Amino acid sequence: MQIHNLSEQNSLLNQFLKEIRSVDIQQDSLRFRRNIERIGEVMAYEISKEMAYETENVKTSLGVAPTDIPNEQVVLGTILRAGLPFHTGFLNYFDHAENAFVSAYRKYKDALKFDIFIEYIASPSLDGKTLIITDPMLATGSSMELAIGALQTKGKPTRINIATIIASQPAIDYMQSNLTDDNITLWTATIDPELNSHSYIIPGLGDAGDLAFGQKL
């Protein structure tokens, strides 16, 4: 599995990361969602650089302009619910993409132990397409592994791009051990070093879903 850590090069992305982490700024849920969306836009642009292109001749009012455009059929997959604003950022750029949605949730056995369940999936055929699956927080990697497995029941994509904003190092280690296909690439805005006893990313930012949409029961 290839890994692209966008924080290895300084860019405007750092400003958006600062704001979604800051307890003084992230309480503005509208701004939090918009920053998540903007990070999705930046990452969509970076992923587009790695895609296959073909030349099309575009007729203008004064002549013909050859233009290289992507020739991959993209499906944007998102893990609900925290992934929705992140998904919107990608869709703003990959506006011709098809879309897929998966719900994955933790069911706690006690305060520290939990299982992960897939409850819902809606997806077009993935056969021969490029799947970009988005989830803003990659804590353990197990939810993403299950979501990819669920989506692959809808067909075999040519390549899979996993897009996240904050990945923990334990999640990266887990996915490198368990997702061994050469066609999988992980894109992350930054990598945090550890998880706490509840499997939350440290320093992380808190619960992205609650910050975007309000607390759940």
Protein backbone atom coordinates (compact mmCIF):
# COMPACT_ATOMS: atom_id res chain seq x y z
CA MET A 1 0.00 0.00 0.00
CA GLN A 2 1.38 3.37 -1.04
CA ILE A 3 1.06 6.27 1.42
CA HIS A 4 0.91 9.99 0.61
CA ASN A 5 1.21 12.23 3.68
CA LEU A 6 0.36 15.73 2.47
CA SER A 7 1.73 17.37 5.63
CA GLU A 8 5.26 16.46 4.50
CA GLN A 9 5.10 19.61 2.36
CA ASN A 10 3.83 22.91 3.72
CA SER A 11 0.73 24.32 2.05
CA LEU A 12 -2.50 26.16 2.82
CA LEU A 13 -3.82 22.79 4.00
CA ASN A 14 -2.06 23.45 7.32
CA GLN A 15 -4.39 26.39 8.02
CA PHE A 16 -7.47 24.20 7.58
CA LEU A 17 -5.93 21.50 9.79
CA LYS A 18 -5.20 24.05 12.51
CA GLU A 19 -8.80 25.26 12.50
CA ILE A 20 -10.44 21.83 12.68
CA ARG A 21 -8.16 20.90 15.61
CA SER A 22 -8.50 24.13 17.59
CA VAL A 23 -11.03 23.94 20.45
CA ASP A 24 -11.52 27.70 20.03
CA ILE A 25 -12.55 27.43 16.37
CA GLN A 26 -14.05 23.95 15.90
CA GLN A 27 -17.13 24.76 18.02
CA ASP A 28 -18.42 26.75 15.03
CA SER A 29 -19.97 23.73 13.29
CA LEU A 30 -20.51 25.59 10.02
CA ARG A 31 -16.83 26.54 9.82
CA PHE A 32 -15.82 23.03 10.91
CA ARG A 33 -17.82 21.45 8.09
CA ARG A 34 -16.49 23.95 5.55
CA ASN A 35 -12.88 23.30 6.59
CA ILE A 36 -13.44 19.55 6.25
CA GLU A 37 -14.90 20.24 2.82
CA ARG A 38 -11.93 22.42 1.81
CA ILE A 39 -9.48 19.70 2.86
CA GLY A 40 -11.46 17.33 0.62
CA GLU A 41 -11.06 19.75 -2.27
CA VAL A 42 -7.30 20.01 -1.75
CA MET A 43 -6.95 16.23 -1.53
CA ALA A 44 -9.11 15.67 -4.61
CA TYR A 45 -6.75 17.95 -6.54
CA GLU A 46 -3.69 16.02 -5.29
CA ILE A 47 -5.23 12.64 -6.18
CA SER A 48 -6.11 13.92 -9.65
CA LYS A 49 -2.39 14.35 -10.39
CA GLU A 50 -1.94 10.56 -10.21
CA MET A 51 -4.78 9.66 -12.57
CA ALA A 52 -4.64 8.58 -16.21
CA TYR A 53 -5.37 11.28 -18.78
CA GLU A 54 -6.34 11.49 -22.44
CA THR A 55 -6.31 14.40 -24.88
CA GLU A 56 -9.55 15.91 -26.16
CA ASN A 57 -9.86 18.66 -28.71
CA VAL A 58 -12.12 21.43 -27.43
CA LYS A 59 -13.75 23.75 -29.95
CA THR A 60 -13.54 27.40 -28.94
CA SER A 61 -14.98 30.46 -30.67
CA LEU A 62 -11.59 31.00 -32.35
CA GLY A 63 -10.21 27.54 -32.96
CA VAL A 64 -9.48 24.17 -31.34
CA ALA A 65 -7.58 23.66 -28.07
CA PRO A 66 -6.17 20.23 -27.20
CA THR A 67 -6.78 19.55 -23.48
CA ASP A 68 -5.69 16.64 -21.30
CA ILE A 69 -8.53 15.41 -19.08
CA PRO A 70 -8.86 12.43 -16.70
CA ASN A 71 -10.20 9.31 -18.34
CA GLU A 72 -10.89 7.26 -15.19
CA GLN A 73 -14.45 6.59 -14.09
CA VAL A 74 -14.55 7.63 -10.44
CA VAL A 75 -16.82 6.41 -7.66
CA LEU A 76 -16.71 8.47 -4.45
CA GLY A 77 -17.43 6.26 -1.46
CA THR A 78 -18.05 7.69 2.02
CA ILE A 79 -18.37 6.24 5.50
CA LEU A 80 -21.35 7.88 7.22
CA ARG A 81 -21.84 10.28 8.99
CA ALA A 82 -18.62 12.19 9.62
CA GLY A 83 -17.54 11.62 6.02
CA LEU A 84 -20.34 13.70 4.47
CA PRO A 85 -18.64 17.15 4.37
CA PHE A 86 -15.38 15.48 3.31
CA HIS A 87 -17.31 13.73 0.52
CA THR A 88 -18.78 17.07 -0.56
CA GLY A 89 -15.30 18.52 -0.98
CA PHE A 90 -14.32 15.66 -3.28
CA LEU A 91 -17.59 15.91 -5.20
CA ASN A 92 -17.01 19.64 -5.78
CA TYR A 93 -13.99 18.65 -7.89
CA PHE A 94 -14.93 15.17 -9.16
CA ASP A 95 -18.35 16.47 -10.14
CA HIS A 96 -18.93 13.73 -12.73
CA ALA A 97 -18.31 10.93 -10.23
CA GLU A 98 -20.77 8.28 -9.14
CA ASN A 99 -21.34 7.95 -5.41
CA ALA A 100 -21.46 5.22 -2.78
CA PHE A 101 -22.26 5.27 0.94
CA VAL A 102 -21.52 2.88 3.81
CA SER A 103 -22.49 3.10 7.47
CA ALA A 104 -19.92 1.66 9.88
CA TYR A 105 -20.28 2.05 13.61
CA ARG A 106 -18.73 0.95 16.86
CA LYS A 107 -20.89 -1.21 19.16
CA TYR A 108 -19.32 -1.10 22.59
CA LYS A 109 -19.16 -4.21 24.78
CA ASP A 110 -17.94 -2.06 27.67
CA ALA A 111 -16.18 1.29 28.09
CA LEU A 112 -13.08 0.15 26.19
CA LYS A 113 -14.02 -2.83 24.00
CA PHE A 114 -16.12 -2.63 20.85
CA ASP A 115 -16.98 -4.42 17.62
CA ILE A 116 -17.48 -2.65 14.30
CA PHE A 117 -20.58 -3.31 12.21
CA ILE A 118 -21.59 -2.43 8.65
CA GLU A 119 -25.30 -1.61 8.64
CA TYR A 120 -26.03 0.00 5.26
CA ILE A 121 -24.47 0.13 1.82
CA ALA A 122 -25.56 1.85 -1.40
CA SER A 123 -23.22 1.72 -4.38
CA PRO A 124 -23.11 1.54 -8.17
CA SER A 125 -21.07 -1.18 -9.85
CA LEU A 126 -17.36 -0.72 -9.12
CA ASP A 127 -16.09 -2.98 -11.90
CA GLY A 128 -13.20 -1.35 -13.74
CA LYS A 129 -13.60 1.97 -11.91
CA THR A 130 -11.50 4.07 -9.55
CA LEU A 131 -12.85 4.01 -6.00
CA ILE A 132 -12.04 6.95 -3.72
CA ILE A 133 -13.30 6.14 -0.22
CA THR A 134 -13.33 8.97 2.30
CA ASP A 135 -13.38 9.03 6.10
CA PRO A 136 -11.93 12.04 7.93
CA MET A 137 -10.54 10.06 10.89
CA LEU A 138 -8.62 6.80 10.49
CA ALA A 139 -8.22 5.60 14.08
CA THR A 140 -7.75 1.82 14.09
CA GLY A 141 -8.15 1.05 10.38
CA SER A 142 -10.67 -1.73 11.02
CA SER A 143 -13.74 0.32 10.00
CA MET A 144 -12.06 1.22 6.72
CA GLU A 145 -11.08 -2.40 6.09
CA LEU A 146 -14.70 -3.53 6.60
CA ALA A 147 -16.07 -0.69 4.45
CA ILE A 148 -13.75 -1.57 1.57
CA GLY A 149 -14.76 -5.22 1.86
CA ALA A 150 -18.45 -4.26 1.81
CA LEU A 151 -18.03 -2.04 -1.24
CA GLN A 152 -16.11 -4.72 -3.11
CA THR A 153 -19.26 -6.87 -3.05
CA LYS A 154 -20.45 -4.35 -5.69
CA GLY A 155 -17.60 -5.08 -8.10
CA LYS A 156 -13.84 -5.01 -8.48
CA PRO A 157 -12.35 -1.51 -8.87
CA THR A 158 -9.18 -1.00 -10.89
CA ARG A 159 -7.68 1.05 -8.08
CA ILE A 160 -8.65 2.18 -4.58
CA ASN A 161 -7.68 5.51 -3.05
CA ILE A 162 -8.31 5.79 0.69
CA ALA A 163 -8.64 9.44 1.71
CA THR A 164 -8.48 10.60 5.32
CA ILE A 165 -7.59 13.80 7.15
CA ILE A 166 -5.99 12.47 10.33
CA ALA A 167 -4.61 8.93 10.39
CA SER A 168 -3.08 7.34 13.46
CA GLN A 169 0.20 5.51 13.12
CA PRO A 170 -1.41 2.33 14.57
CA ALA A 171 -4.07 2.49 11.81
CA ILE A 172 -1.42 2.83 9.13
CA ASP A 173 0.50 -0.13 10.58
CA TYR A 174 -2.72 -2.19 10.68
CA MET A 175 -3.67 -1.38 7.11
CA GLN A 176 -0.21 -2.06 5.74
CA SER A 177 -0.45 -5.53 7.30
CA ASN A 178 -4.03 -6.27 6.22
CA LEU A 179 -4.54 -4.42 2.92
CA THR A 180 -1.78 -5.82 0.78
CA ASP A 181 -3.17 -5.21 -2.73
CA ASP A 182 -0.86 -3.16 -4.94
CA ASN A 183 -3.79 -1.11 -6.24
CA ILE A 184 -4.51 0.57 -2.85
CA THR A 185 -3.14 4.02 -2.01
CA LEU A 186 -3.66 5.92 1.25
CA TRP A 187 -3.87 9.71 1.19
CA THR A 188 -3.79 11.58 4.49
CA ALA A 189 -3.44 15.22 5.45
CA THR A 190 -1.39 14.30 8.52
CA ILE A 191 -0.39 11.39 10.78
CA ASP A 192 -0.83 11.42 14.56
CA PRO A 193 1.32 9.11 16.70
CA GLU A 194 -1.06 7.19 18.96
CA LEU A 195 -4.48 6.15 20.23
CA ASN A 196 -5.82 6.46 23.76
CA SER A 197 -7.52 3.65 25.69
CA HIS A 198 -10.83 4.38 23.90
CA SER A 199 -9.12 4.12 20.47
CA TYR A 200 -9.42 7.86 19.85
CA ILE A 201 -6.61 9.54 17.91
CA ILE A 202 -4.16 11.58 20.01
CA PRO A 203 -3.87 14.55 19.66
CA GLY A 204 -6.60 14.22 17.00
CA LEU A 205 -9.49 16.67 17.15
CA GLY A 206 -12.34 14.93 18.98
CA ASP A 207 -15.43 13.32 17.41
CA ALA A 208 -15.64 14.63 13.84
CA GLY A 209 -19.25 13.55 13.43
CA ASP A 210 -20.38 15.34 16.59
CA LEU A 211 -18.45 18.48 15.69
CA ALA A 212 -20.00 18.54 12.21
CA PHE A 213 -23.57 17.57 13.03
CA GLY A 214 -24.12 17.70 16.81
CA GLN A 215 -23.91 15.09 19.53
CA LYS A 216 -25.69 11.75 19.15
CA LEU A 217 -27.29 9.58 21.80
